[in-house]
Amino acid sequence: MKKEILIDRNSMNIENHRVIQIKNVVCQRCKRSVREILTTLKIPFKRVSLGEAELERSLSDFEFTLFQEELRKVGFELIFEKNERLVNQIKSIIIARVYKEEDFGKQKISDLLTSRLHYDYSHLTHIFTKLEGKNIQKFYSEIKIERIKELLEYNELTVLEIAHEMGYSSATYLSTHFKKATGVTPSDYKNKEEKRKTDLNRF
């Protein structure tokens, strides 16, 4: 018997339910999957970005349920609760910053989040830490390390070039940060035989 999925649309607290937060949409492939689902369901949309989809119109309850079911099939999840939505937005902005999905300039991450989300940074980090068990800076650092691993595995840039790409003042500073986080130097990691697949969903 198919389990009915109950939806509290009012709890989403979004204007006309057109901007929808989606958990685990953390990469280009993820965004492509969401776009394909929307297209298949014939739901018109303006954009799909990291952690979010902006629709052209509100959905009927039937469309909303179908959309939610299709998302769950591929590991995504709609986010309803206010603080969870805020945490999802924080993560999406940080990932977009690290992976250069958008040009954020040279703003500090605290200033960037404050300007984008219109909350004091102290409030943002309190909510994030409460829900995630780690603070925003820790999450930011983890995502940077994952990106550095990818760039090392691509083997297209030197450690110095990666340091500049990732905003470190020197290759030495990057190496120190990387070894503290992983236990190995960038050079050792770059030369290892075993490759691994990045999974940002685990953060």
N, C-alpha and C. Protein backbone atom coordinates (compact mmCIF):
# COMPACT_ATOMS: atom_id res chain seq x y z
N MET A 1 0.85 -1.20 0.00
CA MET A 1 0.00 0.00 0.00
C MET A 1 0.88 1.24 0.00
N LYS A 2 0.62 2.15 -0.90
CA LYS A 2 1.45 3.35 -1.02
C LYS A 2 1.21 4.29 0.15
N LYS A 3 2.30 4.69 0.79
CA LYS A 3 2.20 5.58 1.95
C LYS A 3 1.88 7.00 1.51
N GLU A 4 0.89 7.59 2.13
CA GLU A 4 0.50 8.96 1.81
C GLU A 4 1.48 9.93 2.44
N ILE A 5 1.90 10.92 1.71
CA ILE A 5 2.82 11.94 2.22
C ILE A 5 2.04 13.18 2.58
N LEU A 6 2.08 13.54 3.84
CA LEU A 6 1.34 14.70 4.30
C LEU A 6 2.21 15.94 4.20
N ILE A 7 1.64 17.02 3.73
CA ILE A 7 2.40 18.24 3.52
C ILE A 7 1.74 19.40 4.25
N ASP A 8 2.52 20.06 5.09
CA ASP A 8 2.04 21.27 5.75
C ASP A 8 2.60 22.46 5.00
N ARG A 9 1.89 22.88 3.98
CA ARG A 9 2.40 23.95 3.13
C ARG A 9 2.50 25.27 3.88
N ASN A 10 1.60 25.48 4.83
CA ASN A 10 1.64 26.74 5.57
C ASN A 10 2.92 26.86 6.39
N SER A 11 3.48 25.72 6.82
CA SER A 11 4.69 25.77 7.65
C SER A 11 5.90 26.23 6.87
N MET A 12 5.82 26.23 5.53
CA MET A 12 6.96 26.66 4.73
C MET A 12 7.17 28.15 4.82
N ASN A 13 6.10 28.89 5.07
CA ASN A 13 6.21 30.33 5.28
C ASN A 13 6.96 31.03 4.15
N ILE A 14 6.59 30.74 2.91
CA ILE A 14 7.23 31.39 1.77
C ILE A 14 6.16 32.01 0.89
N GLU A 15 6.51 33.11 0.29
CA GLU A 15 5.54 33.86 -0.51
C GLU A 15 5.05 33.03 -1.69
N ASN A 16 3.74 32.73 -1.66
CA ASN A 16 3.10 31.98 -2.74
C ASN A 16 3.72 30.60 -2.98
N HIS A 17 4.57 30.15 -2.06
CA HIS A 17 5.20 28.83 -2.16
C HIS A 17 5.98 28.69 -3.48
N ARG A 18 6.55 29.76 -3.95
CA ARG A 18 7.26 29.70 -5.23
C ARG A 18 8.76 29.47 -5.06
N VAL A 19 9.32 29.85 -3.95
CA VAL A 19 10.73 29.59 -3.66
C VAL A 19 10.80 28.44 -2.69
N ILE A 20 11.30 27.30 -3.16
CA ILE A 20 11.26 26.06 -2.39
C ILE A 20 12.68 25.63 -2.05
N GLN A 21 12.92 25.38 -0.76
CA GLN A 21 14.22 24.90 -0.29
C GLN A 21 14.28 23.39 -0.43
N ILE A 22 15.41 22.89 -0.97
CA ILE A 22 15.57 21.46 -1.20
C ILE A 22 16.90 20.99 -0.61
N LYS A 23 16.83 20.03 0.28
CA LYS A 23 18.03 19.49 0.92
C LYS A 23 18.80 18.59 -0.02
N ASN A 24 20.13 18.66 0.06
CA ASN A 24 21.08 17.81 -0.68
C ASN A 24 21.29 18.22 -2.13
N VAL A 25 20.77 19.37 -2.54
CA VAL A 25 21.08 19.87 -3.89
C VAL A 25 22.36 20.70 -3.77
N VAL A 26 23.50 20.03 -4.00
CA VAL A 26 24.79 20.63 -3.65
C VAL A 26 25.78 20.69 -4.81
N CYS A 27 25.35 20.35 -6.02
CA CYS A 27 26.28 20.33 -7.14
C CYS A 27 25.52 20.52 -8.45
N GLN A 28 26.26 20.64 -9.54
CA GLN A 28 25.66 20.82 -10.86
C GLN A 28 24.78 19.64 -11.24
N ARG A 29 25.24 18.43 -10.94
CA ARG A 29 24.45 17.23 -11.27
C ARG A 29 23.13 17.25 -10.50
N CYS A 30 23.19 17.67 -9.24
CA CYS A 30 21.97 17.75 -8.42
C CYS A 30 20.99 18.73 -9.02
N LYS A 31 21.47 19.90 -9.42
CA LYS A 31 20.60 20.91 -10.02
C LYS A 31 19.98 20.39 -11.31
N ARG A 32 20.77 19.68 -12.08
CA ARG A 32 20.26 19.11 -13.33
C ARG A 32 19.14 18.11 -13.05
N SER A 33 19.29 17.31 -11.99
CA SER A 33 18.26 16.34 -11.62
C SER A 33 16.96 17.02 -11.25
N VAL A 34 17.05 18.12 -10.49
CA VAL A 34 15.85 18.85 -10.09
C VAL A 34 15.17 19.46 -11.31
N ARG A 35 15.97 20.03 -12.21
CA ARG A 35 15.40 20.60 -13.43
C ARG A 35 14.68 19.54 -14.25
N GLU A 36 15.26 18.35 -14.34
CA GLU A 36 14.64 17.26 -15.09
C GLU A 36 13.32 16.84 -14.46
N ILE A 37 13.27 16.80 -13.12
CA ILE A 37 12.03 16.44 -12.44
C ILE A 37 10.95 17.48 -12.72
N LEU A 38 11.30 18.74 -12.59
CA LEU A 38 10.33 19.82 -12.85
C LEU A 38 9.83 19.78 -14.29
N THR A 39 10.73 19.55 -15.21
CA THR A 39 10.36 19.48 -16.63
C THR A 39 9.44 18.30 -16.90
N THR A 40 9.78 17.14 -16.32
CA THR A 40 8.95 15.94 -16.51
C THR A 40 7.55 16.13 -15.95
N LEU A 41 7.47 16.81 -14.80
CA LEU A 41 6.17 17.05 -14.17
C LEU A 41 5.44 18.25 -14.78
N LYS A 42 6.08 18.89 -15.77
CA LYS A 42 5.52 20.06 -16.44
C LYS A 42 5.22 21.20 -15.46
N ILE A 43 6.17 21.38 -14.54
CA ILE A 43 6.08 22.49 -13.58
C ILE A 43 7.02 23.59 -14.05
N PRO A 44 6.50 24.74 -14.45
CA PRO A 44 7.36 25.82 -14.94
C PRO A 44 8.20 26.43 -13.81
N PHE A 45 9.47 26.70 -14.11
CA PHE A 45 10.35 27.25 -13.08
C PHE A 45 11.25 28.33 -13.67
N LYS A 46 11.67 29.25 -12.81
CA LYS A 46 12.55 30.32 -13.24
C LYS A 46 14.01 29.91 -13.14
N ARG A 47 14.35 29.22 -12.04
CA ARG A 47 15.74 28.82 -11.86
C ARG A 47 15.82 27.69 -10.84
N VAL A 48 16.91 26.93 -10.93
CA VAL A 48 17.26 25.96 -9.90
C VAL A 48 18.69 26.25 -9.50
N SER A 49 18.90 26.59 -8.25
CA SER A 49 20.23 26.87 -7.75
C SER A 49 20.55 25.90 -6.62
N LEU A 50 21.71 26.02 -6.03
CA LEU A 50 22.08 25.12 -4.95
C LEU A 50 21.08 25.25 -3.80
N GLY A 51 20.43 24.15 -3.48
CA GLY A 51 19.51 24.12 -2.35
C GLY A 51 18.17 24.79 -2.55
N GLU A 52 17.87 25.20 -3.77
CA GLU A 52 16.66 26.01 -3.95
C GLU A 52 16.12 25.94 -5.37
N ALA A 53 14.79 26.01 -5.48
CA ALA A 53 14.14 26.12 -6.79
C ALA A 53 13.12 27.24 -6.74
N GLU A 54 13.15 28.11 -7.73
CA GLU A 54 12.17 29.19 -7.82
C GLU A 54 11.21 28.87 -8.95
N LEU A 55 9.95 28.69 -8.61
CA LEU A 55 8.93 28.31 -9.58
C LEU A 55 8.24 29.55 -10.15
N GLU A 56 7.61 29.37 -11.30
CA GLU A 56 6.91 30.49 -11.93
C GLU A 56 5.51 30.71 -11.36
N ARG A 57 5.00 29.70 -10.68
CA ARG A 57 3.66 29.82 -10.09
C ARG A 57 3.57 28.90 -8.89
N SER A 58 2.54 29.10 -8.10
CA SER A 58 2.29 28.20 -6.97
C SER A 58 1.83 26.84 -7.48
N LEU A 59 2.06 25.81 -6.69
CA LEU A 59 1.68 24.47 -7.08
C LEU A 59 0.37 24.06 -6.42
N SER A 60 -0.37 23.23 -7.11
CA SER A 60 -1.54 22.62 -6.49
C SER A 60 -1.03 21.59 -5.48
N ASP A 61 -1.90 21.17 -4.57
CA ASP A 61 -1.50 20.15 -3.60
C ASP A 61 -1.05 18.87 -4.31
N PHE A 62 -1.72 18.53 -5.39
CA PHE A 62 -1.37 17.32 -6.14
C PHE A 62 0.03 17.45 -6.74
N GLU A 63 0.31 18.60 -7.37
CA GLU A 63 1.64 18.83 -7.96
C GLU A 63 2.71 18.82 -6.87
N PHE A 64 2.40 19.44 -5.75
CA PHE A 64 3.36 19.52 -4.66
C PHE A 64 3.72 18.12 -4.16
N THR A 65 2.72 17.28 -4.01
CA THR A 65 2.96 15.91 -3.55
C THR A 65 3.79 15.12 -4.55
N LEU A 66 3.45 15.23 -5.84
CA LEU A 66 4.23 14.55 -6.88
C LEU A 66 5.68 15.01 -6.88
N PHE A 67 5.88 16.31 -6.77
CA PHE A 67 7.22 16.88 -6.76
C PHE A 67 8.02 16.33 -5.58
N GLN A 68 7.41 16.32 -4.42
CA GLN A 68 8.07 15.81 -3.22
C GLN A 68 8.44 14.34 -3.37
N GLU A 69 7.53 13.55 -3.93
CA GLU A 69 7.80 12.12 -4.12
C GLU A 69 8.96 11.88 -5.08
N GLU A 70 8.99 12.63 -6.19
CA GLU A 70 10.06 12.46 -7.19
C GLU A 70 11.40 12.89 -6.62
N LEU A 71 11.41 13.94 -5.83
CA LEU A 71 12.65 14.37 -5.19
C LEU A 71 13.20 13.29 -4.26
N ARG A 72 12.33 12.70 -3.48
CA ARG A 72 12.76 11.67 -2.53
C ARG A 72 13.35 10.46 -3.24
N LYS A 73 12.87 10.15 -4.42
CA LYS A 73 13.38 9.00 -5.17
C LYS A 73 14.86 9.14 -5.50
N VAL A 74 15.33 10.38 -5.64
CA VAL A 74 16.74 10.61 -6.00
C VAL A 74 17.54 11.20 -4.84
N GLY A 75 16.99 11.09 -3.62
CA GLY A 75 17.76 11.48 -2.44
C GLY A 75 17.63 12.92 -2.00
N PHE A 76 16.67 13.66 -2.57
CA PHE A 76 16.46 15.05 -2.17
C PHE A 76 15.24 15.14 -1.24
N GLU A 77 15.15 16.24 -0.56
CA GLU A 77 14.08 16.38 0.43
C GLU A 77 13.67 17.83 0.56
N LEU A 78 12.38 18.09 0.53
CA LEU A 78 11.88 19.44 0.75
C LEU A 78 12.06 19.82 2.21
N ILE A 79 12.38 21.09 2.44
CA ILE A 79 12.61 21.57 3.80
C ILE A 79 11.51 22.55 4.17
N PHE A 80 10.86 22.27 5.28
CA PHE A 80 9.71 23.06 5.70
C PHE A 80 10.01 23.96 6.89
N GLU A 81 10.72 23.45 7.89
CA GLU A 81 10.92 24.17 9.14
C GLU A 81 11.83 25.39 8.94
N LYS A 82 11.49 26.49 9.57
CA LYS A 82 12.17 27.77 9.33
C LYS A 82 13.67 27.70 9.55
N ASN A 83 14.11 27.16 10.68
CA ASN A 83 15.54 27.12 10.97
C ASN A 83 16.29 26.15 10.06
N GLU A 84 15.64 25.05 9.69
CA GLU A 84 16.27 24.12 8.75
C GLU A 84 16.44 24.78 7.38
N ARG A 85 15.47 25.58 6.99
CA ARG A 85 15.57 26.31 5.73
C ARG A 85 16.73 27.30 5.78
N LEU A 86 16.90 27.94 6.92
CA LEU A 86 17.99 28.90 7.08
C LEU A 86 19.35 28.21 7.00
N VAL A 87 19.46 27.07 7.65
CA VAL A 87 20.71 26.30 7.60
C VAL A 87 20.99 25.84 6.18
N ASN A 88 19.97 25.42 5.47
CA ASN A 88 20.14 25.00 4.09
C ASN A 88 20.64 26.16 3.22
N GLN A 89 20.12 27.35 3.45
CA GLN A 89 20.57 28.53 2.71
C GLN A 89 22.03 28.85 3.03
N ILE A 90 22.40 28.73 4.30
CA ILE A 90 23.79 28.98 4.69
C ILE A 90 24.73 28.02 3.96
N LYS A 91 24.38 26.74 3.99
CA LYS A 91 25.21 25.73 3.32
C LYS A 91 25.32 26.01 1.82
N SER A 92 24.19 26.35 1.21
CA SER A 92 24.18 26.59 -0.24
C SER A 92 25.06 27.77 -0.62
N ILE A 93 25.01 28.83 0.17
CA ILE A 93 25.84 30.01 -0.11
C ILE A 93 27.31 29.67 0.04
N ILE A 94 27.66 28.93 1.09
CA ILE A 94 29.06 28.56 1.31
C ILE A 94 29.57 27.67 0.19
N ILE A 95 28.80 26.66 -0.20
CA ILE A 95 29.22 25.78 -1.28
C ILE A 95 29.36 26.55 -2.59
N ALA A 96 28.41 27.44 -2.85
CA ALA A 96 28.49 28.27 -4.06
C ALA A 96 29.73 29.15 -4.03
N ARG A 97 30.08 29.65 -2.86
CA ARG A 97 31.27 30.49 -2.71
C ARG A 97 32.54 29.67 -2.98
N VAL A 98 32.64 28.52 -2.36
CA VAL A 98 33.85 27.70 -2.49
C VAL A 98 34.00 27.15 -3.91
N TYR A 99 32.90 26.74 -4.51
CA TYR A 99 32.95 26.15 -5.85
C TYR A 99 32.74 27.18 -6.96
N LYS A 100 32.68 28.45 -6.55
CA LYS A 100 32.59 29.57 -7.50
C LYS A 100 31.38 29.44 -8.43
N GLU A 101 30.25 29.03 -7.85
CA GLU A 101 28.99 28.99 -8.59
C GLU A 101 28.52 30.42 -8.88
N GLU A 102 28.90 31.34 -8.01
CA GLU A 102 28.59 32.75 -8.18
C GLU A 102 29.82 33.57 -7.84
N ASP A 103 29.85 34.80 -8.31
CA ASP A 103 30.94 35.71 -7.99
C ASP A 103 30.55 36.54 -6.77
N PHE A 104 31.09 36.19 -5.62
CA PHE A 104 30.76 36.90 -4.39
C PHE A 104 31.80 37.96 -4.03
N GLY A 105 32.80 38.14 -4.89
CA GLY A 105 33.85 39.09 -4.55
C GLY A 105 34.72 38.57 -3.43
N LYS A 106 35.25 39.46 -2.63
CA LYS A 106 36.18 39.07 -1.57
C LYS A 106 35.60 39.27 -0.18
N GLN A 107 34.27 39.30 -0.08
CA GLN A 107 33.63 39.45 1.22
C GLN A 107 33.99 38.30 2.16
N LYS A 108 34.16 38.63 3.44
CA LYS A 108 34.32 37.58 4.44
C LYS A 108 33.02 36.78 4.48
N ILE A 109 33.14 35.52 4.86
CA ILE A 109 31.96 34.66 4.84
C ILE A 109 30.89 35.19 5.79
N SER A 110 31.29 35.77 6.91
CA SER A 110 30.31 36.32 7.85
C SER A 110 29.56 37.49 7.24
N ASP A 111 30.27 38.37 6.53
CA ASP A 111 29.62 39.52 5.89
C ASP A 111 28.73 39.07 4.74
N LEU A 112 29.18 38.06 4.00
CA LEU A 112 28.41 37.54 2.87
C LEU A 112 27.08 36.96 3.35
N LEU A 113 27.14 36.14 4.38
CA LEU A 113 25.92 35.52 4.88
C LEU A 113 24.97 36.55 5.46
N THR A 114 25.51 37.52 6.17
CA THR A 114 24.68 38.57 6.76
C THR A 114 23.97 39.38 5.68
N SER A 115 24.69 39.72 4.63
CA SER A 115 24.10 40.53 3.56
C SER A 115 23.08 39.75 2.74
N ARG A 116 23.33 38.47 2.56
CA ARG A 116 22.42 37.65 1.75
C ARG A 116 21.16 37.23 2.52
N LEU A 117 21.32 36.93 3.80
CA LEU A 117 20.21 36.35 4.57
C LEU A 117 19.53 37.35 5.50
N HIS A 118 20.13 38.53 5.67
CA HIS A 118 19.52 39.61 6.45
C HIS A 118 19.30 39.24 7.92
N TYR A 119 20.26 38.52 8.47
CA TYR A 119 20.30 38.23 9.90
C TYR A 119 21.68 38.56 10.42
N ASP A 120 21.78 38.89 11.70
CA ASP A 120 23.09 39.07 12.32
C ASP A 120 23.85 37.75 12.25
N TYR A 121 25.16 37.84 12.08
CA TYR A 121 25.96 36.62 11.98
C TYR A 121 25.87 35.78 13.25
N SER A 122 25.77 36.45 14.40
CA SER A 122 25.66 35.72 15.67
C SER A 122 24.41 34.85 15.69
N HIS A 123 23.32 35.35 15.13
CA HIS A 123 22.08 34.57 15.06
C HIS A 123 22.26 33.40 14.10
N LEU A 124 22.86 33.66 12.96
CA LEU A 124 23.07 32.60 11.97
C LEU A 124 23.93 31.48 12.53
N THR A 125 25.03 31.85 13.17
CA THR A 125 25.93 30.81 13.68
C THR A 125 25.31 30.06 14.85
N HIS A 126 24.46 30.74 15.62
CA HIS A 126 23.77 30.06 16.73
C HIS A 126 22.81 29.00 16.19
N ILE A 127 22.01 29.36 15.21
CA ILE A 127 21.05 28.42 14.63
C ILE A 127 21.80 27.27 13.94
N PHE A 128 22.84 27.61 13.19
CA PHE A 128 23.60 26.59 12.46
C PHE A 128 24.22 25.59 13.42
N THR A 129 24.88 26.09 14.46
CA THR A 129 25.54 25.21 15.43
C THR A 129 24.53 24.34 16.16
N LYS A 130 23.39 24.90 16.48
CA LYS A 130 22.35 24.15 17.19
C LYS A 130 21.85 22.97 16.36
N LEU A 131 21.67 23.19 15.06
CA LEU A 131 21.13 22.14 14.21
C LEU A 131 22.20 21.18 13.67
N GLU A 132 23.41 21.69 13.44
CA GLU A 132 24.44 20.89 12.79
C GLU A 132 25.49 20.32 13.74
N GLY A 133 25.57 20.86 14.94
CA GLY A 133 26.57 20.37 15.89
C GLY A 133 27.97 20.87 15.62
N LYS A 134 28.09 21.84 14.74
CA LYS A 134 29.37 22.51 14.45
C LYS A 134 29.06 23.89 13.95
N ASN A 135 30.03 24.81 14.09
CA ASN A 135 29.75 26.19 13.69
C ASN A 135 29.97 26.40 12.19
N ILE A 136 29.60 27.57 11.73
CA ILE A 136 29.68 27.89 10.31
C ILE A 136 31.12 27.84 9.80
N GLN A 137 32.05 28.37 10.56
CA GLN A 137 33.44 28.38 10.13
C GLN A 137 33.99 26.97 9.96
N LYS A 138 33.58 26.05 10.84
CA LYS A 138 34.00 24.66 10.72
C LYS A 138 33.47 24.04 9.42
N PHE A 139 32.20 24.30 9.13
CA PHE A 139 31.60 23.80 7.89
C PHE A 139 32.31 24.40 6.67
N TYR A 140 32.56 25.69 6.71
CA TYR A 140 33.25 26.39 5.63
C TYR A 140 34.62 25.76 5.38
N SER A 141 35.33 25.50 6.46
CA SER A 141 36.65 24.89 6.35
C SER A 141 36.58 23.50 5.74
N GLU A 142 35.60 22.71 6.13
CA GLU A 142 35.44 21.36 5.60
C GLU A 142 35.15 21.37 4.10
N ILE A 143 34.31 22.28 3.67
CA ILE A 143 33.99 22.37 2.25
C ILE A 143 35.22 22.81 1.45
N LYS A 144 36.00 23.74 2.01
CA LYS A 144 37.23 24.17 1.33
C LYS A 144 38.20 23.00 1.17
N ILE A 145 38.32 22.18 2.20
CA ILE A 145 39.21 21.03 2.13
C ILE A 145 38.75 20.06 1.04
N GLU A 146 37.44 19.84 0.94
CA GLU A 146 36.92 18.95 -0.10
C GLU A 146 37.22 19.49 -1.49
N ARG A 147 37.10 20.80 -1.64
CA ARG A 147 37.40 21.40 -2.94
C ARG A 147 38.89 21.30 -3.26
N ILE A 148 39.74 21.49 -2.26
CA ILE A 148 41.19 21.37 -2.47
C ILE A 148 41.52 19.93 -2.89
N LYS A 149 40.89 18.96 -2.26
CA LYS A 149 41.12 17.55 -2.65
C LYS A 149 40.78 17.34 -4.13
N GLU A 150 39.65 17.88 -4.55
CA GLU A 150 39.26 17.74 -5.95
C GLU A 150 40.30 18.36 -6.88
N LEU A 151 40.73 19.57 -6.56
CA LEU A 151 41.69 20.26 -7.41
C LEU A 151 43.03 19.52 -7.45
N LEU A 152 43.41 18.92 -6.33
CA LEU A 152 44.64 18.12 -6.31
C LEU A 152 44.49 16.89 -7.19
N GLU A 153 43.33 16.27 -7.16
CA GLU A 153 43.11 15.06 -7.95
C GLU A 153 43.02 15.35 -9.44
N TYR A 154 42.51 16.53 -9.80
CA TYR A 154 42.49 16.92 -11.21
C TYR A 154 43.90 17.03 -11.77
N ASN A 155 44.83 17.36 -10.89
CA ASN A 155 46.26 17.44 -11.26
C ASN A 155 46.52 18.44 -12.38
N GLU A 156 45.75 19.52 -12.39
CA GLU A 156 45.92 20.55 -13.41
C GLU A 156 46.59 21.81 -12.87
N LEU A 157 46.56 21.98 -11.54
CA LEU A 157 47.11 23.17 -10.91
C LEU A 157 48.19 22.80 -9.91
N THR A 158 49.16 23.68 -9.73
CA THR A 158 50.15 23.48 -8.69
C THR A 158 49.51 23.83 -7.34
N VAL A 159 50.18 23.46 -6.26
CA VAL A 159 49.67 23.78 -4.92
C VAL A 159 49.59 25.30 -4.75
N LEU A 160 50.55 26.02 -5.29
CA LEU A 160 50.52 27.48 -5.22
C LEU A 160 49.31 28.04 -5.96
N GLU A 161 49.03 27.50 -7.14
CA GLU A 161 47.88 27.96 -7.92
C GLU A 161 46.56 27.63 -7.20
N ILE A 162 46.52 26.47 -6.56
CA ILE A 162 45.32 26.10 -5.79
C ILE A 162 45.16 27.05 -4.60
N ALA A 163 46.27 27.40 -3.98
CA ALA A 163 46.22 28.34 -2.84
C ALA A 163 45.60 29.66 -3.28
N HIS A 164 46.02 30.18 -4.42
CA HIS A 164 45.46 31.43 -4.95
C HIS A 164 43.97 31.26 -5.31
N GLU A 165 43.66 30.12 -5.91
CA GLU A 165 42.28 29.83 -6.29
C GLU A 165 41.35 29.80 -5.08
N MET A 166 41.86 29.28 -3.97
CA MET A 166 41.05 29.08 -2.77
C MET A 166 41.17 30.22 -1.76
N GLY A 167 41.92 31.25 -2.10
CA GLY A 167 41.99 32.42 -1.24
C GLY A 167 42.99 32.35 -0.11
N TYR A 168 43.97 31.42 -0.19
CA TYR A 168 45.02 31.35 0.83
C TYR A 168 46.14 32.31 0.45
N SER A 169 46.80 32.84 1.45
CA SER A 169 47.86 33.83 1.20
C SER A 169 49.13 33.19 0.64
N SER A 170 49.30 31.89 0.85
CA SER A 170 50.50 31.21 0.36
C SER A 170 50.25 29.71 0.27
N ALA A 171 51.15 29.02 -0.46
CA ALA A 171 51.06 27.57 -0.55
C ALA A 171 51.36 26.94 0.81
N THR A 172 52.23 27.58 1.57
CA THR A 172 52.58 27.07 2.90
C THR A 172 51.38 27.09 3.83
N TYR A 173 50.61 28.17 3.78
CA TYR A 173 49.43 28.29 4.62
C TYR A 173 48.40 27.23 4.23
N LEU A 174 48.19 27.04 2.93
CA LEU A 174 47.28 26.00 2.48
C LEU A 174 47.75 24.62 2.96
N SER A 175 49.04 24.35 2.80
CA SER A 175 49.58 23.04 3.17
C SER A 175 49.40 22.76 4.66
N THR A 176 49.61 23.79 5.48
CA THR A 176 49.45 23.64 6.93
C THR A 176 48.00 23.33 7.28
N HIS A 177 47.09 24.09 6.67
CA HIS A 177 45.66 23.87 6.90
C HIS A 177 45.24 22.49 6.42
N PHE A 178 45.70 22.10 5.25
CA PHE A 178 45.32 20.82 4.66
C PHE A 178 45.83 19.65 5.49
N LYS A 179 47.08 19.71 5.93
CA LYS A 179 47.65 18.61 6.72
C LYS A 179 46.96 18.50 8.08
N LYS A 180 46.62 19.62 8.66
CA LYS A 180 45.92 19.60 9.95
C LYS A 180 44.56 18.93 9.82
N ALA A 181 43.91 19.14 8.67
CA ALA A 181 42.57 18.59 8.46
C ALA A 181 42.59 17.13 8.00
N THR A 182 43.61 16.74 7.23
CA THR A 182 43.61 15.41 6.61
C THR A 182 44.69 14.47 7.12
N GLY A 183 45.72 15.03 7.73
CA GLY A 183 46.83 14.21 8.20
C GLY A 183 47.92 13.99 7.18
N VAL A 184 47.73 14.50 5.96
CA VAL A 184 48.75 14.37 4.92
C VAL A 184 48.97 15.72 4.25
N THR A 185 50.11 15.87 3.59
CA THR A 185 50.39 17.11 2.86
C THR A 185 49.66 17.09 1.52
N PRO A 186 49.46 18.25 0.91
CA PRO A 186 48.85 18.27 -0.42
C PRO A 186 49.61 17.43 -1.44
N SER A 187 50.94 17.46 -1.37
CA SER A 187 51.75 16.69 -2.32
C SER A 187 51.52 15.19 -2.14
N ASP A 188 51.47 14.74 -0.89
CA ASP A 188 51.22 13.31 -0.63
C ASP A 188 49.84 12.91 -1.12
N TYR A 189 48.86 13.78 -0.87
CA TYR A 189 47.50 13.48 -1.31
C TYR A 189 47.42 13.45 -2.83
N LYS A 190 48.10 14.37 -3.47
CA LYS A 190 48.08 14.46 -4.93
C LYS A 190 48.67 13.21 -5.58
N ASN A 191 49.65 12.59 -4.90
CA ASN A 191 50.34 11.44 -5.47
C ASN A 191 49.73 10.10 -5.09
N LYS A 192 48.70 10.12 -4.25
CA LYS A 192 48.11 8.84 -3.84
C LYS A 192 47.40 8.19 -5.02
N GLU A 193 47.38 6.88 -5.03
CA GLU A 193 46.80 6.15 -6.16
C GLU A 193 45.29 6.07 -6.07
N GLU A 194 44.77 5.89 -4.86
CA GLU A 194 43.33 5.72 -4.71
C GLU A 194 42.60 7.05 -4.82
N LYS A 195 41.63 7.13 -5.68
CA LYS A 195 40.83 8.35 -5.85
C LYS A 195 39.49 8.15 -5.16
N ARG A 196 38.91 9.21 -4.75
CA ARG A 196 37.63 9.11 -4.07
C ARG A 196 36.63 10.09 -4.67
N LYS A 197 35.36 9.76 -4.47
CA LYS A 197 34.28 10.59 -5.01
C LYS A 197 33.81 11.57 -3.95
N THR A 198 33.76 12.84 -4.31
CA THR A 198 33.28 13.85 -3.38
C THR A 198 31.79 13.69 -3.13
N ASP A 199 31.40 13.74 -1.87
CA ASP A 199 29.99 13.65 -1.52
C ASP A 199 29.68 14.76 -0.51
N LEU A 200 29.22 15.91 -1.02
CA LEU A 200 28.94 17.03 -0.14
C LEU A 200 27.68 16.82 0.68
N ASN A 201 26.87 15.82 0.32
CA ASN A 201 25.65 15.56 1.09
C ASN A 201 25.94 15.16 2.53
N ARG A 202 27.15 14.65 2.78
CA ARG A 202 27.46 14.19 4.12
C ARG A 202 27.79 15.33 5.07
N PHE A 203 27.92 16.54 4.55
CA PHE A 203 28.25 17.69 5.42
C PHE A 203 26.99 18.38 5.90
